[in-house]
N, C-alpha and C. Protein backbone atom coordinates (compact mmCIF):
# COMPACT_ATOMS: atom_id res chain seq x y z
N UNK A 1 0.82 -1.19 0.00
CA UNK A 1 0.00 0.00 0.00
C UNK A 1 0.87 1.26 0.00
N UNK A 2 2.04 1.22 0.64
CA UNK A 2 2.92 2.38 0.69
C UNK A 2 3.37 2.81 -0.70
N UNK A 3 3.62 1.87 -1.58
CA UNK A 3 4.08 2.25 -2.91
C UNK A 3 2.95 2.88 -3.73
N UNK A 4 1.72 2.56 -3.40
CA UNK A 4 0.59 3.14 -4.10
C UNK A 4 0.36 4.59 -3.69
N UNK A 5 0.63 4.92 -2.44
CA UNK A 5 0.47 6.27 -1.92
C UNK A 5 1.81 6.77 -1.40
N UNK A 6 2.60 7.46 -2.25
CA UNK A 6 3.91 7.95 -1.80
C UNK A 6 3.79 8.82 -0.55
N UNK A 7 4.84 8.81 0.25
CA UNK A 7 4.83 9.55 1.50
C UNK A 7 4.77 11.05 1.25
N UNK A 8 4.34 11.76 2.28
CA UNK A 8 4.25 13.22 2.19
C UNK A 8 5.66 13.79 2.18
N UNK A 9 5.95 14.63 1.24
CA UNK A 9 7.25 15.31 1.16
C UNK A 9 7.17 16.56 2.02
N UNK A 10 8.33 17.02 2.49
CA UNK A 10 8.33 18.19 3.35
C UNK A 10 8.47 19.46 2.50
N UNK A 11 7.34 19.99 2.09
CA UNK A 11 7.33 21.20 1.28
C UNK A 11 7.70 22.42 2.10
N UNK A 12 7.41 22.39 3.39
CA UNK A 12 7.68 23.56 4.22
C UNK A 12 9.17 23.88 4.26
N UNK A 13 10.01 22.85 4.33
CA UNK A 13 11.46 23.08 4.31
C UNK A 13 11.90 23.76 3.02
N UNK A 14 11.32 23.33 1.91
CA UNK A 14 11.68 23.94 0.63
C UNK A 14 11.19 25.38 0.55
N UNK A 15 9.98 25.65 1.05
CA UNK A 15 9.49 27.04 1.08
C UNK A 15 10.42 27.91 1.93
N UNK A 16 10.88 27.36 3.05
CA UNK A 16 11.78 28.12 3.92
C UNK A 16 13.10 28.41 3.20
N UNK A 17 13.62 27.43 2.45
CA UNK A 17 14.84 27.66 1.66
C UNK A 17 14.61 28.76 0.64
N UNK A 18 13.46 28.70 -0.04
CA UNK A 18 13.14 29.74 -1.02
C UNK A 18 13.08 31.11 -0.35
N UNK A 19 12.44 31.20 0.79
CA UNK A 19 12.28 32.48 1.48
C UNK A 19 13.63 33.04 1.92
N UNK A 20 14.52 32.18 2.37
CA UNK A 20 15.87 32.63 2.75
C UNK A 20 16.58 33.21 1.53
N UNK A 21 16.42 32.57 0.39
CA UNK A 21 17.06 33.05 -0.83
C UNK A 21 16.41 34.34 -1.32
N UNK A 22 15.11 34.49 -1.15
CA UNK A 22 14.44 35.74 -1.50
C UNK A 22 15.02 36.88 -0.67
N UNK A 23 15.17 36.62 0.63
CA UNK A 23 15.73 37.67 1.49
C UNK A 23 17.18 37.96 1.11
N UNK A 24 17.96 36.93 0.82
CA UNK A 24 19.36 37.14 0.41
C UNK A 24 19.42 37.99 -0.87
N UNK A 25 18.55 37.69 -1.82
CA UNK A 25 18.53 38.46 -3.05
C UNK A 25 18.15 39.91 -2.81
N UNK A 26 17.17 40.14 -1.95
CA UNK A 26 16.77 41.51 -1.62
C UNK A 26 17.92 42.25 -0.95
N UNK A 27 18.60 41.58 -0.04
CA UNK A 27 19.77 42.19 0.62
C UNK A 27 20.85 42.54 -0.41
N UNK A 28 21.08 41.62 -1.34
CA UNK A 28 22.11 41.86 -2.36
C UNK A 28 21.76 43.06 -3.24
N UNK A 29 20.50 43.14 -3.66
CA UNK A 29 20.11 44.27 -4.50
C UNK A 29 20.20 45.58 -3.73
N UNK A 30 19.79 45.56 -2.47
CA UNK A 30 19.88 46.79 -1.67
C UNK A 30 21.34 47.21 -1.51
N UNK A 31 22.22 46.28 -1.20
CA UNK A 31 23.65 46.61 -1.10
C UNK A 31 24.17 47.18 -2.42
N UNK A 32 23.69 46.60 -3.50
CA UNK A 32 24.09 47.07 -4.82
C UNK A 32 23.70 48.53 -5.00
N UNK A 33 22.48 48.89 -4.61
CA UNK A 33 21.98 50.25 -4.77
C UNK A 33 22.67 51.23 -3.83
N UNK A 34 22.94 50.78 -2.61
CA UNK A 34 23.53 51.68 -1.62
C UNK A 34 25.02 51.90 -1.90
N UNK A 35 25.75 50.83 -2.13
CA UNK A 35 27.21 50.95 -2.32
C UNK A 35 27.55 51.34 -3.75
N UNK A 36 26.78 50.89 -4.70
CA UNK A 36 26.91 51.18 -6.12
C UNK A 36 28.35 51.09 -6.61
N UNK A 37 28.96 49.95 -6.31
CA UNK A 37 30.31 49.67 -6.79
C UNK A 37 30.35 48.22 -7.29
N UNK A 38 31.29 47.94 -8.15
CA UNK A 38 31.50 46.58 -8.64
C UNK A 38 30.18 45.93 -9.08
N UNK A 39 29.40 46.67 -9.85
CA UNK A 39 28.05 46.23 -10.21
C UNK A 39 28.03 44.90 -10.96
N UNK A 40 28.99 44.68 -11.84
CA UNK A 40 28.99 43.42 -12.59
C UNK A 40 29.15 42.22 -11.67
N UNK A 41 30.04 42.31 -10.72
CA UNK A 41 30.24 41.20 -9.78
C UNK A 41 29.03 41.04 -8.86
N UNK A 42 28.49 42.14 -8.41
CA UNK A 42 27.29 42.07 -7.56
C UNK A 42 26.11 41.46 -8.33
N UNK A 43 25.97 41.84 -9.59
CA UNK A 43 24.90 41.27 -10.42
C UNK A 43 25.13 39.78 -10.64
N UNK A 44 26.39 39.38 -10.80
CA UNK A 44 26.71 37.97 -10.98
C UNK A 44 26.33 37.17 -9.74
N UNK A 45 26.64 37.70 -8.56
CA UNK A 45 26.29 37.01 -7.31
C UNK A 45 24.78 36.94 -7.12
N UNK A 46 24.09 38.01 -7.49
CA UNK A 46 22.63 38.02 -7.41
C UNK A 46 22.04 36.99 -8.38
N UNK A 47 22.62 36.89 -9.55
CA UNK A 47 22.17 35.89 -10.53
C UNK A 47 22.37 34.47 -9.97
N UNK A 48 23.47 34.25 -9.26
CA UNK A 48 23.72 32.93 -8.66
C UNK A 48 22.68 32.63 -7.58
N UNK A 49 22.33 33.62 -6.80
CA UNK A 49 21.29 33.43 -5.78
C UNK A 49 19.96 33.07 -6.44
N UNK A 50 19.64 33.76 -7.52
CA UNK A 50 18.41 33.47 -8.26
C UNK A 50 18.44 32.07 -8.84
N UNK A 51 19.60 31.66 -9.34
CA UNK A 51 19.75 30.30 -9.88
C UNK A 51 19.57 29.25 -8.77
N UNK A 52 20.15 29.51 -7.61
CA UNK A 52 19.99 28.60 -6.48
C UNK A 52 18.51 28.46 -6.10
N UNK A 53 17.80 29.57 -6.14
CA UNK A 53 16.37 29.55 -5.82
C UNK A 53 15.59 28.78 -6.89
N UNK A 54 15.99 28.91 -8.15
CA UNK A 54 15.34 28.14 -9.21
C UNK A 54 15.45 26.65 -8.96
N UNK A 55 16.60 26.21 -8.47
CA UNK A 55 16.79 24.79 -8.17
C UNK A 55 15.83 24.33 -7.08
N UNK A 56 15.61 25.17 -6.08
CA UNK A 56 14.66 24.83 -5.02
C UNK A 56 13.25 24.79 -5.58
N UNK A 57 12.91 25.75 -6.42
CA UNK A 57 11.59 25.77 -7.04
C UNK A 57 11.35 24.50 -7.85
N UNK A 58 12.33 24.10 -8.63
CA UNK A 58 12.20 22.87 -9.41
C UNK A 58 12.02 21.66 -8.50
N UNK A 59 12.69 21.66 -7.37
CA UNK A 59 12.53 20.55 -6.41
C UNK A 59 11.11 20.51 -5.86
N UNK A 60 10.53 21.68 -5.58
CA UNK A 60 9.14 21.73 -5.13
C UNK A 60 8.24 21.08 -6.17
N UNK A 61 8.41 21.47 -7.42
CA UNK A 61 7.56 20.93 -8.49
C UNK A 61 7.76 19.43 -8.68
N UNK A 62 9.01 18.98 -8.57
CA UNK A 62 9.27 17.54 -8.68
C UNK A 62 8.61 16.78 -7.55
N UNK A 63 8.72 17.28 -6.34
CA UNK A 63 8.07 16.62 -5.21
C UNK A 63 6.56 16.64 -5.35
N UNK A 64 6.05 17.73 -5.84
CA UNK A 64 4.60 17.84 -6.03
C UNK A 64 4.11 16.78 -7.03
N UNK A 65 4.89 16.54 -8.06
CA UNK A 65 4.51 15.57 -9.08
C UNK A 65 4.58 14.13 -8.59
N UNK A 66 5.38 13.86 -7.58
CA UNK A 66 5.50 12.48 -7.12
C UNK A 66 4.81 12.20 -5.78
N UNK A 67 4.13 13.21 -5.24
CA UNK A 67 3.49 13.07 -3.93
C UNK A 67 1.98 13.00 -4.09
N UNK A 68 1.40 12.01 -3.45
CA UNK A 68 -0.05 11.83 -3.51
C UNK A 68 -0.75 12.66 -2.45
N UNK A 69 -0.24 12.62 -1.22
CA UNK A 69 -0.83 13.36 -0.11
C UNK A 69 0.07 14.56 0.19
N UNK A 70 -0.51 15.75 0.09
CA UNK A 70 0.25 16.97 0.33
C UNK A 70 -0.32 17.71 1.54
N UNK A 71 0.52 18.49 2.24
CA UNK A 71 0.05 19.19 3.44
C UNK A 71 -0.87 20.37 3.14
N UNK A 72 -0.81 20.87 1.93
CA UNK A 72 -1.65 21.97 1.46
C UNK A 72 -2.21 21.57 0.10
N UNK A 73 -3.20 22.29 -0.37
CA UNK A 73 -3.71 22.02 -1.71
C UNK A 73 -2.56 22.11 -2.73
N UNK A 74 -2.60 21.23 -3.70
CA UNK A 74 -1.56 21.19 -4.72
C UNK A 74 -1.42 22.55 -5.41
N UNK A 75 -2.55 23.17 -5.71
CA UNK A 75 -2.52 24.47 -6.38
C UNK A 75 -1.86 25.53 -5.50
N UNK A 76 -2.10 25.45 -4.20
CA UNK A 76 -1.49 26.41 -3.27
C UNK A 76 0.02 26.21 -3.19
N UNK A 77 0.45 24.97 -3.18
CA UNK A 77 1.89 24.68 -3.16
C UNK A 77 2.54 25.23 -4.43
N UNK A 78 1.91 24.99 -5.55
CA UNK A 78 2.44 25.49 -6.82
C UNK A 78 2.48 27.02 -6.83
N UNK A 79 1.40 27.64 -6.37
CA UNK A 79 1.33 29.10 -6.35
C UNK A 79 2.37 29.69 -5.40
N UNK A 80 2.57 29.06 -4.25
CA UNK A 80 3.56 29.56 -3.29
C UNK A 80 4.96 29.50 -3.89
N UNK A 81 5.31 28.36 -4.45
CA UNK A 81 6.65 28.20 -5.04
C UNK A 81 6.84 29.17 -6.20
N UNK A 82 5.83 29.32 -7.03
CA UNK A 82 5.92 30.22 -8.18
C UNK A 82 6.02 31.68 -7.73
N UNK A 83 5.24 32.04 -6.71
CA UNK A 83 5.27 33.41 -6.20
C UNK A 83 6.61 33.79 -5.62
N UNK A 84 7.18 32.89 -4.82
CA UNK A 84 8.50 33.16 -4.25
C UNK A 84 9.54 33.26 -5.36
N UNK A 85 9.44 32.40 -6.35
CA UNK A 85 10.35 32.43 -7.49
C UNK A 85 10.22 33.75 -8.25
N UNK A 86 9.00 34.22 -8.43
CA UNK A 86 8.78 35.48 -9.15
C UNK A 86 9.41 36.66 -8.44
N UNK A 87 9.34 36.68 -7.12
CA UNK A 87 9.94 37.79 -6.37
C UNK A 87 11.44 37.85 -6.65
N UNK A 88 12.10 36.72 -6.59
CA UNK A 88 13.55 36.71 -6.80
C UNK A 88 13.90 36.92 -8.27
N UNK A 89 13.11 36.41 -9.19
CA UNK A 89 13.35 36.65 -10.61
C UNK A 89 13.33 38.15 -10.90
N UNK A 90 12.35 38.85 -10.35
CA UNK A 90 12.23 40.29 -10.58
C UNK A 90 13.37 41.05 -9.91
N UNK A 91 13.74 40.63 -8.72
CA UNK A 91 14.86 41.26 -8.00
C UNK A 91 16.14 41.13 -8.82
N UNK A 92 16.39 39.93 -9.31
CA UNK A 92 17.60 39.69 -10.10
C UNK A 92 17.56 40.48 -11.39
N UNK A 93 16.39 40.59 -12.02
CA UNK A 93 16.27 41.33 -13.27
C UNK A 93 16.67 42.80 -13.09
N UNK A 94 16.32 43.37 -11.95
CA UNK A 94 16.69 44.76 -11.68
C UNK A 94 18.21 44.88 -11.59
N UNK A 95 18.84 43.95 -10.85
CA UNK A 95 20.30 43.97 -10.75
C UNK A 95 20.97 43.83 -12.10
N UNK A 96 20.48 42.94 -12.92
CA UNK A 96 21.05 42.73 -14.26
C UNK A 96 20.88 43.97 -15.13
N UNK A 97 19.75 44.63 -15.01
CA UNK A 97 19.49 45.81 -15.85
C UNK A 97 20.35 47.00 -15.44
N UNK A 98 20.74 47.06 -14.17
CA UNK A 98 21.66 48.12 -13.77
C UNK A 98 22.95 48.03 -14.58
N UNK A 99 23.41 46.82 -14.79
CA UNK A 99 24.63 46.60 -15.57
C UNK A 99 24.35 46.76 -17.06
N UNK A 100 23.30 46.11 -17.53
CA UNK A 100 22.97 46.13 -18.95
C UNK A 100 22.79 47.54 -19.50
N UNK A 101 22.09 48.38 -18.72
CA UNK A 101 21.83 49.75 -19.17
C UNK A 101 22.89 50.74 -18.71
N UNK A 102 23.97 50.20 -18.11
CA UNK A 102 25.11 51.02 -17.69
C UNK A 102 24.67 52.21 -16.83
N UNK A 103 23.84 51.92 -15.83
CA UNK A 103 23.38 52.96 -14.91
C UNK A 103 24.59 53.46 -14.12
N UNK A 104 24.73 54.77 -14.04
CA UNK A 104 25.94 55.37 -13.47
C UNK A 104 25.86 55.69 -11.97
N UNK A 105 24.64 55.83 -11.47
CA UNK A 105 24.52 56.16 -10.05
C UNK A 105 23.16 55.71 -9.54
N UNK A 106 23.10 55.59 -8.24
CA UNK A 106 21.85 55.25 -7.59
C UNK A 106 21.13 56.54 -7.20
N UNK A 107 19.88 56.40 -6.83
CA UNK A 107 19.11 57.56 -6.38
C UNK A 107 18.50 57.26 -5.01
N UNK A 108 18.10 58.29 -4.33
CA UNK A 108 17.45 58.11 -3.02
C UNK A 108 16.18 57.26 -3.15
N UNK A 109 15.30 57.53 -4.13
CA UNK A 109 14.12 56.67 -4.25
C UNK A 109 14.47 55.20 -4.53
N UNK A 110 15.49 54.96 -5.32
CA UNK A 110 15.90 53.57 -5.61
C UNK A 110 16.38 52.89 -4.33
N UNK A 111 17.15 53.60 -3.54
CA UNK A 111 17.63 53.02 -2.28
C UNK A 111 16.48 52.79 -1.31
N UNK A 112 15.52 53.71 -1.29
CA UNK A 112 14.35 53.55 -0.43
C UNK A 112 13.53 52.35 -0.87
N UNK A 113 13.34 52.18 -2.17
CA UNK A 113 12.57 51.04 -2.68
C UNK A 113 13.25 49.70 -2.36
N UNK A 114 14.58 49.65 -2.50
CA UNK A 114 15.25 48.39 -2.17
C UNK A 114 15.25 48.13 -0.66
N UNK A 115 15.22 49.20 0.12
CA UNK A 115 15.09 49.03 1.57
C UNK A 115 13.72 48.44 1.91
N UNK A 116 12.69 48.92 1.23
CA UNK A 116 11.34 48.38 1.42
C UNK A 116 11.29 46.93 0.95
N UNK A 117 11.98 46.63 -0.14
CA UNK A 117 12.06 45.25 -0.62
C UNK A 117 12.69 44.35 0.44
N UNK A 118 13.75 44.80 1.07
CA UNK A 118 14.38 44.02 2.15
C UNK A 118 13.40 43.80 3.29
N UNK A 119 12.71 44.84 3.69
CA UNK A 119 11.72 44.71 4.77
C UNK A 119 10.62 43.72 4.39
N UNK A 120 10.18 43.78 3.14
CA UNK A 120 9.16 42.85 2.66
C UNK A 120 9.68 41.42 2.65
N UNK A 121 10.91 41.24 2.22
CA UNK A 121 11.51 39.91 2.19
C UNK A 121 11.64 39.33 3.60
N UNK A 122 11.93 40.18 4.56
CA UNK A 122 11.98 39.72 5.96
C UNK A 122 10.61 39.23 6.40
N UNK A 123 9.58 39.97 6.03
CA UNK A 123 8.21 39.58 6.38
C UNK A 123 7.83 38.26 5.70
N UNK A 124 8.22 38.12 4.44
CA UNK A 124 7.96 36.87 3.71
C UNK A 124 8.65 35.71 4.41
N UNK A 125 9.91 35.92 4.77
CA UNK A 125 10.68 34.86 5.43
C UNK A 125 10.01 34.44 6.75
N UNK A 126 9.57 35.42 7.52
CA UNK A 126 8.92 35.09 8.79
C UNK A 126 7.58 34.41 8.56
N UNK A 127 6.82 34.89 7.58
CA UNK A 127 5.51 34.30 7.29
C UNK A 127 5.67 32.85 6.84
N UNK A 128 6.61 32.59 5.98
CA UNK A 128 6.84 31.22 5.50
C UNK A 128 7.24 30.32 6.66
N UNK A 129 7.96 30.86 7.62
CA UNK A 129 8.32 30.09 8.80
C UNK A 129 7.12 29.68 9.65
N UNK A 130 6.00 30.36 9.45
CA UNK A 130 4.78 30.06 10.22
C UNK A 130 3.73 29.30 9.41
N UNK A 131 4.09 28.85 8.22
CA UNK A 131 3.12 28.12 7.40
C UNK A 131 2.68 26.80 8.04
N UNK A 132 3.58 26.18 8.77
CA UNK A 132 3.24 24.89 9.38
C UNK A 132 2.12 25.01 10.40
N UNK A 133 2.12 26.11 11.15
CA UNK A 133 1.13 26.26 12.22
C UNK A 133 0.10 27.37 11.94
N UNK A 134 0.27 28.10 10.86
CA UNK A 134 -0.64 29.17 10.45
C UNK A 134 -0.80 30.26 11.51
N UNK A 135 0.18 30.43 12.40
CA UNK A 135 0.09 31.45 13.44
C UNK A 135 0.56 32.79 12.91
N UNK A 136 -0.23 33.81 13.17
CA UNK A 136 0.11 35.20 12.86
C UNK A 136 0.29 35.49 11.38
N UNK A 137 -0.22 34.64 10.50
CA UNK A 137 -0.03 34.89 9.07
C UNK A 137 -0.69 36.20 8.64
N UNK A 138 -1.81 36.52 9.23
CA UNK A 138 -2.50 37.76 8.85
C UNK A 138 -1.65 38.99 9.19
N UNK A 139 -0.94 38.95 10.30
CA UNK A 139 -0.09 40.08 10.67
C UNK A 139 1.01 40.30 9.62
N UNK A 140 1.58 39.23 9.12
CA UNK A 140 2.61 39.35 8.08
C UNK A 140 2.00 39.89 6.79
N UNK A 141 0.83 39.41 6.46
CA UNK A 141 0.13 39.86 5.25
C UNK A 141 -0.17 41.35 5.33
N UNK A 142 -0.63 41.79 6.47
CA UNK A 142 -0.95 43.21 6.66
C UNK A 142 0.31 44.06 6.53
N UNK A 143 1.40 43.61 7.13
CA UNK A 143 2.65 44.38 7.05
C UNK A 143 3.19 44.40 5.63
N UNK A 144 3.12 43.31 4.92
CA UNK A 144 3.57 43.29 3.52
C UNK A 144 2.72 44.24 2.68
N UNK A 145 1.43 44.27 2.93
CA UNK A 145 0.55 45.20 2.21
C UNK A 145 0.90 46.64 2.54
N UNK A 146 1.19 46.92 3.81
CA UNK A 146 1.58 48.28 4.21
C UNK A 146 2.87 48.69 3.49
N UNK A 147 3.83 47.75 3.43
CA UNK A 147 5.10 48.03 2.75
C UNK A 147 4.87 48.26 1.25
N UNK A 148 3.95 47.51 0.66
CA UNK A 148 3.61 47.71 -0.75
C UNK A 148 3.07 49.12 -0.96
N UNK A 149 2.20 49.57 -0.08
CA UNK A 149 1.65 50.92 -0.17
C UNK A 149 2.75 51.97 -0.01
N UNK A 150 3.69 51.72 0.90
CA UNK A 150 4.81 52.62 1.10
C UNK A 150 5.65 52.72 -0.18
N UNK A 151 5.88 51.57 -0.81
CA UNK A 151 6.64 51.55 -2.07
C UNK A 151 5.89 52.30 -3.17
N UNK A 152 4.58 52.12 -3.21
CA UNK A 152 3.78 52.84 -4.20
C UNK A 152 3.93 54.36 -4.02
N UNK A 153 4.00 54.80 -2.78
CA UNK A 153 4.17 56.23 -2.51
C UNK A 153 5.54 56.74 -2.94
N UNK A 154 6.55 55.90 -2.79
CA UNK A 154 7.90 56.30 -3.22
C UNK A 154 7.92 56.46 -4.73
């Protein structure tokens, strides 16, 4: 019977790995904007972080395909992994474009936006850490929404 119903994979650990990488990418982009030196190397490191996150995302999808019983709805697992991946893909794209378009300096609004991105990534990381028990998820959601509004104002 065990072979008919594969065991539950630990998706929460993979989400936590993704969230750590999202935060690392946000930190890297913010450092890039604040220090604004050695942009090519910083963009390369950010690209590596994004690649590492892609590997985790692929692992989520592979586990999802081979797991019969999942801790959350399959669609929710897919959406969570895709959403986390999208955040880091966009973060990395900004870093790459700084180099591609030969941007010469940072601006105060750009630094403020990447600071908000870091704060949002911290909230994402903490929220993902609470997925197992669903405690305080609304508080994280509210704070992320507040940060989104703050970014919109910038």
